[in-house]
Amino acid sequence: MNADTDFVEVLAGSFPGLSGREVELFTRYYRLVLKWNDRLHLTTVTTPRAFVPRHLGEAIFTGNRILPGIDQFWDIGSGAGIPGIPVAILRPQMYVRLVEANRRKALFLEEVATELQLHRVKVINARFETLGGFSAHACLAARAVEKMEEVVRGIVRQGGEAAQILILGGAQLEGVMGAAGWRLERYRLPASTNRWLFELVNAKTQGRKDAKE
């Protein structure tokens, strides 16, 4: 059984609701990760039976938590493109911004967006702290970034106008997320005993939304 066939079998078995187009795009994405991985060290998790639940499973779980009304998804320190690329595949109407400071990894992400024809994906080769303000219809996300606790503090500080922040990581991250004006929830990630999705919802933004409704 070749890698593509094995990948499709695992993916379809794990997520039977995916369309044929989505399965094809995920397969092409996986192929590109393998192509670039030796040069860029994108991930140590490369077999289909590990890649699907760890990377795609966590990304799909994250995408399912995006609030209604969000039209911009910012993947901070995108690296291999998780969770941003799966979100773009499953939500083609969403504007996805992949923020990656490493130029070579940014080139990889640009190739993925081009090859998969993800027209609403934009790769931003910059450090997150250099970026400006964020829309009240934006969701900021981060996963597996170096100096994660420091990055999380920066996201909470700079993302004050965003509607939602989604952080994937260990339980220790919860201690750096306390901030006035945010409501915090946490969800255990699928197929994991020690990794969580932390969801911060902007009380100010949500309050404006509730008032309109």
Foldseek 3Di string as FASTA:
>chain_A
DDQLVQLLVLQCVVCVPDDPLLSVLVSVLLVLCVVCCVPQVLDPQNRSNRCCCPFVQQLVVVLVPQDPQAQEEEEAQCRSNPNNVSNCSVCLRHQYEYEHQDPVSLVSVVVSCVVSVSVNYDYHNRHPLVDAADACNYEYEYEDDPVVLVVLLSCCVRHLSYFKYKYKAFPVSVVSNDDPQWDWDWDDRPPDDTMIIIMIGGNVSVVVVVVVD
